[in-house]
């Protein structure tokens, strides 16, 4: 397992933030994710729920699927996942099932956070795999992405 410097961690989170910006330009909730294997991004994803009409089209799921195809394996055992918002229960389940080594998330999700806020499915010892969790990487930038997006929606709703 490659140990990443603080600078590298921030670069990977910036890539996830870039994915979140893609989602925002599509009118999607701005959540972005990348999967990294030995210092190389092998999967990218951003929220596509609205445009795809698919409840499972979360950033993490999209990035994991791309990484699986890149590796030609469903197992992502030595990979790290970087996501702007704490994973929900569905995404946490996919992360555990893909056997990712570690997850870095930007900001907590008070409504569905399953990596420590409401519960921690990633470190649950009753599962056959546990994932290392690191929270708060580029937190303020990740929070701002979401708050700016929802402020625009509220502003538009008030005008209508």
N, C-alpha and C. Protein backbone atom coordinates (compact mmCIF):
# COMPACT_ATOMS: atom_id res chain seq x y z
N UNK A 1 0.85 -1.19 0.00
CA UNK A 1 0.00 0.00 0.00
C UNK A 1 0.89 1.24 0.00
N UNK A 2 0.61 2.10 -0.93
CA UNK A 2 1.38 3.33 -1.05
C UNK A 2 0.93 4.33 0.02
N UNK A 3 1.87 4.95 0.66
CA UNK A 3 1.58 5.99 1.65
C UNK A 3 1.62 7.32 0.91
N UNK A 4 0.56 8.11 1.03
CA UNK A 4 0.49 9.38 0.31
C UNK A 4 0.86 10.54 1.22
N UNK A 5 1.54 11.52 0.64
CA UNK A 5 1.87 12.74 1.38
C UNK A 5 0.61 13.60 1.48
N UNK A 6 0.64 14.58 2.37
CA UNK A 6 -0.50 15.49 2.52
C UNK A 6 -0.77 16.21 1.20
N UNK A 7 0.28 16.55 0.48
CA UNK A 7 0.13 17.23 -0.82
C UNK A 7 -0.57 16.32 -1.83
N UNK A 8 -0.19 15.04 -1.86
CA UNK A 8 -0.83 14.09 -2.77
C UNK A 8 -2.30 13.89 -2.41
N UNK A 9 -2.57 13.77 -1.10
CA UNK A 9 -3.96 13.60 -0.66
C UNK A 9 -4.81 14.77 -1.15
N UNK A 10 -4.28 15.98 -1.01
CA UNK A 10 -5.03 17.17 -1.44
C UNK A 10 -5.24 17.17 -2.96
N UNK A 11 -4.24 16.73 -3.71
CA UNK A 11 -4.38 16.66 -5.17
C UNK A 11 -5.49 15.69 -5.57
N UNK A 12 -5.55 14.54 -4.90
CA UNK A 12 -6.60 13.58 -5.21
C UNK A 12 -7.97 14.14 -4.83
N UNK A 13 -8.06 14.82 -3.69
CA UNK A 13 -9.34 15.41 -3.31
C UNK A 13 -9.71 16.53 -4.29
N UNK A 14 -8.73 17.28 -4.78
CA UNK A 14 -9.02 18.31 -5.78
C UNK A 14 -9.59 17.67 -7.05
N UNK A 15 -9.12 16.49 -7.41
CA UNK A 15 -9.68 15.78 -8.56
C UNK A 15 -11.14 15.42 -8.30
N UNK A 16 -11.44 14.99 -7.08
CA UNK A 16 -12.83 14.68 -6.70
C UNK A 16 -13.68 15.95 -6.74
N UNK A 17 -13.12 17.06 -6.28
CA UNK A 17 -13.82 18.34 -6.32
C UNK A 17 -14.10 18.74 -7.77
N UNK A 18 -13.14 18.48 -8.65
CA UNK A 18 -13.36 18.73 -10.08
C UNK A 18 -14.54 17.93 -10.62
N UNK A 19 -14.65 16.69 -10.18
CA UNK A 19 -15.80 15.86 -10.57
C UNK A 19 -17.10 16.45 -10.03
N UNK A 20 -17.06 16.97 -8.81
CA UNK A 20 -18.25 17.59 -8.22
C UNK A 20 -18.69 18.80 -9.04
N UNK A 21 -17.74 19.58 -9.52
CA UNK A 21 -18.08 20.73 -10.37
C UNK A 21 -18.78 20.28 -11.65
N UNK A 22 -18.36 19.15 -12.21
CA UNK A 22 -19.03 18.61 -13.40
C UNK A 22 -20.50 18.32 -13.09
N UNK A 23 -20.74 17.73 -11.92
CA UNK A 23 -22.11 17.43 -11.52
C UNK A 23 -22.92 18.72 -11.40
N UNK A 24 -22.34 19.73 -10.78
CA UNK A 24 -23.05 21.00 -10.58
C UNK A 24 -23.45 21.63 -11.91
N UNK A 25 -22.56 21.58 -12.90
CA UNK A 25 -22.88 22.18 -14.20
C UNK A 25 -24.02 21.45 -14.89
N UNK A 26 -24.28 20.22 -14.49
CA UNK A 26 -25.38 19.43 -15.05
C UNK A 26 -26.66 19.59 -14.23
N UNK A 27 -26.60 20.40 -13.17
CA UNK A 27 -27.76 20.55 -12.30
C UNK A 27 -27.89 19.44 -11.28
N UNK A 28 -26.85 18.65 -11.14
CA UNK A 28 -26.82 17.56 -10.16
C UNK A 28 -26.24 18.08 -8.85
N UNK A 29 -26.58 17.45 -7.74
CA UNK A 29 -25.95 17.80 -6.47
C UNK A 29 -24.45 17.57 -6.64
N UNK A 30 -23.62 18.59 -6.31
CA UNK A 30 -22.19 18.51 -6.60
C UNK A 30 -21.40 17.61 -5.65
N UNK A 31 -21.38 16.34 -5.99
CA UNK A 31 -20.59 15.36 -5.26
C UNK A 31 -19.68 14.69 -6.28
N UNK A 32 -18.39 14.60 -5.95
CA UNK A 32 -17.43 14.00 -6.85
C UNK A 32 -16.55 13.00 -6.14
N UNK A 33 -15.96 12.10 -6.92
CA UNK A 33 -15.20 10.99 -6.34
C UNK A 33 -14.13 10.52 -7.31
N UNK A 34 -13.01 10.09 -6.76
CA UNK A 34 -11.98 9.40 -7.56
C UNK A 34 -11.50 8.18 -6.78
N UNK A 35 -11.09 7.15 -7.52
CA UNK A 35 -10.47 5.96 -6.95
C UNK A 35 -9.02 5.96 -7.40
N UNK A 36 -8.11 5.76 -6.45
CA UNK A 36 -6.67 5.84 -6.71
C UNK A 36 -6.01 4.50 -6.40
N UNK A 37 -5.19 4.05 -7.34
CA UNK A 37 -4.43 2.81 -7.18
C UNK A 37 -2.95 3.12 -7.38
N UNK A 38 -2.18 2.98 -6.33
CA UNK A 38 -0.73 3.20 -6.39
C UNK A 38 -0.38 4.57 -6.99
N UNK A 39 -1.12 5.59 -6.56
CA UNK A 39 -0.84 6.95 -6.98
C UNK A 39 -1.45 7.38 -8.29
N UNK A 40 -2.22 6.50 -8.92
CA UNK A 40 -2.83 6.80 -10.22
C UNK A 40 -4.36 6.74 -10.09
N UNK A 41 -5.04 7.76 -10.60
CA UNK A 41 -6.50 7.76 -10.60
C UNK A 41 -6.98 6.76 -11.65
N UNK A 42 -7.74 5.76 -11.20
CA UNK A 42 -8.24 4.73 -12.12
C UNK A 42 -9.76 4.76 -12.25
N UNK A 43 -10.41 5.60 -11.47
CA UNK A 43 -11.86 5.73 -11.57
C UNK A 43 -12.28 7.13 -11.17
N UNK A 44 -13.20 7.69 -11.94
CA UNK A 44 -13.74 9.02 -11.65
C UNK A 44 -15.26 8.93 -11.71
N UNK A 45 -15.91 9.70 -10.86
CA UNK A 45 -17.37 9.71 -10.90
C UNK A 45 -17.92 10.97 -10.27
N UNK A 46 -19.09 11.34 -10.73
CA UNK A 46 -19.82 12.43 -10.10
C UNK A 46 -21.30 12.05 -10.09
N UNK A 47 -22.02 12.73 -9.24
CA UNK A 47 -23.43 12.44 -9.06
C UNK A 47 -24.17 12.56 -10.39
N UNK A 48 -24.95 11.54 -10.74
CA UNK A 48 -25.74 11.53 -11.99
C UNK A 48 -27.18 11.09 -11.74
N UNK A 49 -27.62 11.16 -10.50
CA UNK A 49 -28.94 10.64 -10.15
C UNK A 49 -30.07 11.28 -10.95
N UNK A 50 -30.07 12.60 -11.03
CA UNK A 50 -31.17 13.30 -11.71
C UNK A 50 -31.17 13.03 -13.21
N UNK A 51 -30.02 13.20 -13.86
CA UNK A 51 -29.97 13.07 -15.32
C UNK A 51 -30.14 11.62 -15.79
N UNK A 52 -29.71 10.66 -14.98
CA UNK A 52 -29.83 9.25 -15.37
C UNK A 52 -31.12 8.61 -14.87
N UNK A 53 -31.84 9.31 -13.98
CA UNK A 53 -33.04 8.75 -13.34
C UNK A 53 -32.71 7.42 -12.66
N UNK A 54 -31.52 7.40 -12.03
CA UNK A 54 -31.01 6.17 -11.41
C UNK A 54 -30.59 6.46 -9.97
N UNK A 55 -31.31 5.90 -9.03
CA UNK A 55 -31.04 6.14 -7.61
C UNK A 55 -29.64 5.69 -7.20
N UNK A 56 -29.05 4.75 -7.95
CA UNK A 56 -27.73 4.25 -7.59
C UNK A 56 -26.59 5.04 -8.24
N UNK A 57 -26.88 6.05 -9.02
CA UNK A 57 -25.85 6.80 -9.76
C UNK A 57 -25.17 7.85 -8.88
N UNK A 58 -24.69 7.41 -7.73
CA UNK A 58 -23.93 8.29 -6.84
C UNK A 58 -22.48 8.34 -7.33
N UNK A 59 -21.77 9.38 -6.95
CA UNK A 59 -20.39 9.59 -7.39
C UNK A 59 -19.51 8.37 -7.07
N UNK A 60 -19.65 7.83 -5.86
CA UNK A 60 -18.82 6.70 -5.44
C UNK A 60 -19.08 5.47 -6.30
N UNK A 61 -20.34 5.18 -6.56
CA UNK A 61 -20.70 4.00 -7.36
C UNK A 61 -20.11 4.15 -8.77
N UNK A 62 -20.28 5.34 -9.37
CA UNK A 62 -19.75 5.59 -10.72
C UNK A 62 -18.24 5.42 -10.76
N UNK A 63 -17.54 5.96 -9.77
CA UNK A 63 -16.07 5.87 -9.73
C UNK A 63 -15.62 4.43 -9.49
N UNK A 64 -16.30 3.71 -8.61
CA UNK A 64 -15.97 2.31 -8.35
C UNK A 64 -16.17 1.47 -9.61
N UNK A 65 -17.27 1.69 -10.32
CA UNK A 65 -17.53 0.93 -11.54
C UNK A 65 -16.43 1.17 -12.57
N UNK A 66 -16.02 2.43 -12.73
CA UNK A 66 -14.95 2.74 -13.68
C UNK A 66 -13.64 2.08 -13.26
N UNK A 67 -13.34 2.12 -11.96
CA UNK A 67 -12.11 1.49 -11.45
C UNK A 67 -12.15 -0.02 -11.65
N UNK A 68 -13.31 -0.64 -11.43
CA UNK A 68 -13.46 -2.08 -11.66
C UNK A 68 -13.14 -2.43 -13.11
N UNK A 69 -13.66 -1.63 -14.03
CA UNK A 69 -13.41 -1.87 -15.45
C UNK A 69 -11.93 -1.67 -15.79
N UNK A 70 -11.34 -0.64 -15.22
CA UNK A 70 -9.92 -0.35 -15.47
C UNK A 70 -9.03 -1.50 -14.98
N UNK A 71 -9.34 -2.02 -13.80
CA UNK A 71 -8.54 -3.12 -13.22
C UNK A 71 -8.97 -4.50 -13.74
N UNK A 72 -10.14 -4.53 -14.38
CA UNK A 72 -10.73 -5.81 -14.80
C UNK A 72 -10.88 -6.75 -13.61
N UNK A 73 -11.37 -6.18 -12.51
CA UNK A 73 -11.54 -6.92 -11.26
C UNK A 73 -12.55 -6.17 -10.39
N UNK A 74 -13.40 -6.90 -9.70
CA UNK A 74 -14.34 -6.24 -8.79
C UNK A 74 -13.66 -5.86 -7.48
N UNK A 75 -12.51 -6.46 -7.21
CA UNK A 75 -11.77 -6.17 -5.98
C UNK A 75 -10.87 -4.96 -6.19
N UNK A 76 -10.95 -4.02 -5.28
CA UNK A 76 -10.10 -2.81 -5.31
C UNK A 76 -9.29 -2.74 -4.02
N UNK A 77 -8.69 -3.87 -3.65
CA UNK A 77 -8.10 -4.07 -2.33
C UNK A 77 -7.03 -3.07 -1.91
N UNK A 78 -6.20 -2.62 -2.78
CA UNK A 78 -5.15 -1.68 -2.38
C UNK A 78 -5.44 -0.26 -2.82
N UNK A 79 -6.68 0.01 -3.15
CA UNK A 79 -7.07 1.32 -3.67
C UNK A 79 -7.66 2.21 -2.58
N UNK A 80 -7.58 3.51 -2.83
CA UNK A 80 -8.16 4.52 -1.95
C UNK A 80 -9.24 5.27 -2.71
N UNK A 81 -10.28 5.66 -2.00
CA UNK A 81 -11.38 6.42 -2.59
C UNK A 81 -11.42 7.79 -1.94
N UNK A 82 -11.53 8.83 -2.76
CA UNK A 82 -11.62 10.22 -2.30
C UNK A 82 -12.97 10.75 -2.76
N UNK A 83 -13.77 11.24 -1.81
CA UNK A 83 -15.10 11.73 -2.15
C UNK A 83 -15.39 13.01 -1.38
N UNK A 84 -16.10 13.92 -2.01
CA UNK A 84 -16.34 15.23 -1.41
C UNK A 84 -17.31 15.18 -0.24
N UNK A 85 -18.25 14.24 -0.25
CA UNK A 85 -19.24 14.10 0.82
C UNK A 85 -19.18 12.70 1.40
N UNK A 86 -19.32 12.61 2.69
CA UNK A 86 -19.31 11.31 3.38
C UNK A 86 -20.26 10.32 2.70
N UNK A 87 -19.82 9.09 2.49
CA UNK A 87 -20.66 8.09 1.82
C UNK A 87 -21.95 7.77 2.58
N UNK A 88 -23.01 7.51 1.80
CA UNK A 88 -24.30 7.08 2.34
C UNK A 88 -24.24 5.57 2.59
N UNK A 89 -25.30 4.97 3.14
CA UNK A 89 -25.27 3.52 3.39
C UNK A 89 -25.04 2.68 2.13
N UNK A 90 -25.68 3.06 1.02
CA UNK A 90 -25.51 2.30 -0.22
C UNK A 90 -24.06 2.34 -0.69
N UNK A 91 -23.48 3.53 -0.69
CA UNK A 91 -22.10 3.68 -1.16
C UNK A 91 -21.12 3.02 -0.19
N UNK A 92 -21.38 3.13 1.10
CA UNK A 92 -20.53 2.47 2.09
C UNK A 92 -20.55 0.96 1.86
N UNK A 93 -21.72 0.42 1.55
CA UNK A 93 -21.81 -1.01 1.24
C UNK A 93 -20.99 -1.39 0.02
N UNK A 94 -21.06 -0.56 -1.02
CA UNK A 94 -20.27 -0.83 -2.23
C UNK A 94 -18.78 -0.74 -1.93
N UNK A 95 -18.39 0.22 -1.11
CA UNK A 95 -16.98 0.40 -0.74
C UNK A 95 -16.46 -0.84 0.00
N UNK A 96 -17.25 -1.33 0.96
CA UNK A 96 -16.86 -2.54 1.70
C UNK A 96 -16.80 -3.74 0.76
N UNK A 97 -17.82 -3.89 -0.08
CA UNK A 97 -17.86 -5.03 -1.00
C UNK A 97 -16.75 -5.00 -2.03
N UNK A 98 -16.31 -3.81 -2.43
CA UNK A 98 -15.19 -3.68 -3.38
C UNK A 98 -13.85 -3.87 -2.68
N UNK A 99 -13.90 -3.94 -1.36
CA UNK A 99 -12.70 -4.16 -0.53
C UNK A 99 -11.66 -3.06 -0.67
N UNK A 100 -12.14 -1.83 -0.81
CA UNK A 100 -11.22 -0.69 -0.85
C UNK A 100 -10.43 -0.63 0.45
N UNK A 101 -9.20 -0.14 0.37
CA UNK A 101 -8.34 -0.04 1.55
C UNK A 101 -8.70 1.15 2.41
N UNK A 102 -8.95 2.30 1.76
CA UNK A 102 -9.18 3.52 2.54
C UNK A 102 -10.13 4.47 1.83
N UNK A 103 -10.79 5.30 2.64
CA UNK A 103 -11.70 6.33 2.15
C UNK A 103 -11.33 7.65 2.80
N UNK A 104 -11.24 8.68 1.98
CA UNK A 104 -11.02 10.05 2.44
C UNK A 104 -12.23 10.85 2.00
N UNK A 105 -12.92 11.49 2.96
CA UNK A 105 -14.06 12.31 2.55
C UNK A 105 -13.90 13.73 3.05
N UNK A 106 -14.49 14.65 2.29
CA UNK A 106 -14.35 16.07 2.58
C UNK A 106 -15.22 16.56 3.71
N UNK A 107 -16.53 16.40 3.58
CA UNK A 107 -17.43 16.91 4.62
C UNK A 107 -18.44 15.85 5.04
N UNK A 108 -18.89 16.01 6.26
CA UNK A 108 -19.83 15.07 6.86
C UNK A 108 -21.22 15.23 6.25
N UNK A 109 -21.97 14.14 6.27
CA UNK A 109 -23.36 14.15 5.80
C UNK A 109 -24.25 13.83 6.99
N UNK A 110 -24.90 14.87 7.52
CA UNK A 110 -25.73 14.71 8.72
C UNK A 110 -27.01 13.93 8.45
N UNK A 111 -27.38 13.76 7.18
CA UNK A 111 -28.61 13.05 6.84
C UNK A 111 -28.40 11.58 6.53
N UNK A 112 -27.22 11.23 5.98
CA UNK A 112 -27.01 9.84 5.56
C UNK A 112 -25.59 9.35 5.78
N UNK A 113 -24.79 10.09 6.51
CA UNK A 113 -23.38 9.75 6.69
C UNK A 113 -23.15 8.39 7.33
N UNK A 114 -22.49 7.52 6.58
CA UNK A 114 -22.27 6.15 7.05
C UNK A 114 -20.79 5.80 7.20
N UNK A 115 -19.98 6.86 7.38
CA UNK A 115 -18.55 6.66 7.63
C UNK A 115 -18.16 7.35 8.93
N UNK A 116 -19.14 7.46 9.84
CA UNK A 116 -18.85 8.02 11.15
C UNK A 116 -19.87 8.99 11.70
N UNK A 117 -20.63 9.67 10.84
CA UNK A 117 -21.55 10.69 11.34
C UNK A 117 -22.79 10.07 11.97
N UNK A 118 -23.55 9.29 11.22
CA UNK A 118 -24.73 8.61 11.78
C UNK A 118 -24.38 7.20 12.26
N UNK A 119 -23.48 6.58 11.54
CA UNK A 119 -23.00 5.23 11.84
C UNK A 119 -21.70 5.06 11.06
N UNK A 120 -20.98 3.99 11.32
CA UNK A 120 -19.78 3.74 10.53
C UNK A 120 -19.81 2.31 10.00
N UNK A 121 -20.33 2.19 8.78
CA UNK A 121 -20.38 0.88 8.14
C UNK A 121 -19.01 0.45 7.62
N UNK A 122 -18.11 1.42 7.43
CA UNK A 122 -16.81 1.11 6.84
C UNK A 122 -15.87 0.39 7.82
N UNK A 123 -16.06 0.62 9.10
CA UNK A 123 -15.20 -0.01 10.10
C UNK A 123 -15.94 -1.08 10.91
N UNK A 124 -17.14 -1.42 10.49
CA UNK A 124 -17.96 -2.41 11.19
C UNK A 124 -17.27 -3.77 11.20
N UNK A 125 -16.93 -4.25 12.38
CA UNK A 125 -16.15 -5.49 12.50
C UNK A 125 -16.97 -6.75 12.20
N UNK A 126 -18.28 -6.64 12.15
CA UNK A 126 -19.09 -7.81 11.81
C UNK A 126 -19.06 -8.11 10.31
N UNK A 127 -18.58 -7.16 9.50
CA UNK A 127 -18.41 -7.41 8.07
C UNK A 127 -17.09 -8.13 7.85
N UNK A 128 -16.93 -8.73 6.67
CA UNK A 128 -15.70 -9.46 6.37
C UNK A 128 -14.55 -8.55 5.93
N UNK A 129 -14.80 -7.26 5.83
CA UNK A 129 -13.77 -6.31 5.41
C UNK A 129 -14.02 -4.96 6.09
N UNK A 130 -12.95 -4.33 6.54
CA UNK A 130 -13.04 -3.00 7.12
C UNK A 130 -12.18 -2.05 6.29
N UNK A 131 -12.59 -0.79 6.28
CA UNK A 131 -11.94 0.24 5.47
C UNK A 131 -11.42 1.34 6.39
N UNK A 132 -10.21 1.80 6.16
CA UNK A 132 -9.67 2.94 6.91
C UNK A 132 -10.42 4.19 6.47
N UNK A 133 -10.72 5.07 7.42
CA UNK A 133 -11.48 6.29 7.12
C UNK A 133 -10.71 7.52 7.59
N UNK A 134 -10.64 8.52 6.74
CA UNK A 134 -10.05 9.81 7.09
C UNK A 134 -11.03 10.89 6.66
N UNK A 135 -11.41 11.75 7.57
CA UNK A 135 -12.43 12.76 7.25
C UNK A 135 -11.85 14.17 7.30
N UNK A 136 -12.51 15.07 6.59
CA UNK A 136 -12.18 16.49 6.68
C UNK A 136 -11.14 16.99 5.70
N UNK A 137 -10.73 16.18 4.74
CA UNK A 137 -9.75 16.61 3.74
C UNK A 137 -10.42 17.65 2.82
N UNK A 138 -9.88 18.86 2.77
CA UNK A 138 -10.44 19.98 1.97
C UNK A 138 -11.89 20.26 2.38
N UNK A 139 -12.18 20.12 3.67
CA UNK A 139 -13.55 20.23 4.18
C UNK A 139 -14.25 21.51 3.78
N UNK A 140 -13.60 22.65 4.00
CA UNK A 140 -14.28 23.93 3.74
C UNK A 140 -14.67 24.07 2.27
N UNK A 141 -13.81 23.64 1.38
CA UNK A 141 -14.11 23.70 -0.05
C UNK A 141 -15.28 22.78 -0.41
N UNK A 142 -15.31 21.61 0.20
CA UNK A 142 -16.39 20.66 -0.05
C UNK A 142 -17.72 21.17 0.50
N UNK A 143 -17.69 21.76 1.68
CA UNK A 143 -18.90 22.35 2.27
C UNK A 143 -19.41 23.48 1.39
N UNK A 144 -18.50 24.33 0.93
CA UNK A 144 -18.88 25.49 0.10
C UNK A 144 -19.53 25.04 -1.21
N UNK A 145 -19.01 23.99 -1.81
CA UNK A 145 -19.61 23.45 -3.04
C UNK A 145 -21.10 23.16 -2.84
N UNK A 146 -21.40 22.46 -1.77
CA UNK A 146 -22.78 22.08 -1.49
C UNK A 146 -23.63 23.27 -1.08
N UNK A 147 -23.10 24.12 -0.20
CA UNK A 147 -23.90 25.26 0.28
C UNK A 147 -24.19 26.24 -0.85
N UNK A 148 -23.22 26.49 -1.73
CA UNK A 148 -23.44 27.37 -2.88
C UNK A 148 -24.50 26.80 -3.82
N UNK A 149 -24.43 25.50 -4.06
CA UNK A 149 -25.39 24.84 -4.95
C UNK A 149 -26.81 24.97 -4.40
N UNK A 150 -26.99 24.66 -3.12
CA UNK A 150 -28.33 24.71 -2.54
C UNK A 150 -28.82 26.15 -2.37
N UNK A 151 -27.91 27.10 -2.17
CA UNK A 151 -28.30 28.51 -2.11
C UNK A 151 -28.87 28.96 -3.45
N UNK A 152 -28.26 28.52 -4.55
CA UNK A 152 -28.76 28.86 -5.89
C UNK A 152 -30.14 28.26 -6.12
N UNK A 153 -30.34 27.05 -5.66
CA UNK A 153 -31.65 26.40 -5.82
C UNK A 153 -32.71 27.17 -5.03
N UNK A 154 -32.37 27.54 -3.78
CA UNK A 154 -33.33 28.31 -2.97
C UNK A 154 -33.63 29.65 -3.61
N UNK A 155 -32.61 30.30 -4.14
CA UNK A 155 -32.78 31.60 -4.79
C UNK A 155 -33.69 31.47 -6.01
N UNK A 156 -33.49 30.43 -6.80
CA UNK A 156 -34.31 30.20 -7.98
C UNK A 156 -35.76 29.91 -7.58
N UNK A 157 -35.93 29.11 -6.54
CA UNK A 157 -37.27 28.76 -6.06
C UNK A 157 -38.01 30.01 -5.57
N UNK A 158 -37.29 30.89 -4.90
CA UNK A 158 -37.91 32.12 -4.40
C UNK A 158 -38.34 33.04 -5.53
N UNK A 159 -37.60 33.03 -6.66
CA UNK A 159 -37.94 33.87 -7.81
C UNK A 159 -39.14 33.33 -8.57
N UNK A 160 -39.32 32.01 -8.55
CA UNK A 160 -40.41 31.37 -9.32
C UNK A 160 -41.76 31.58 -8.70
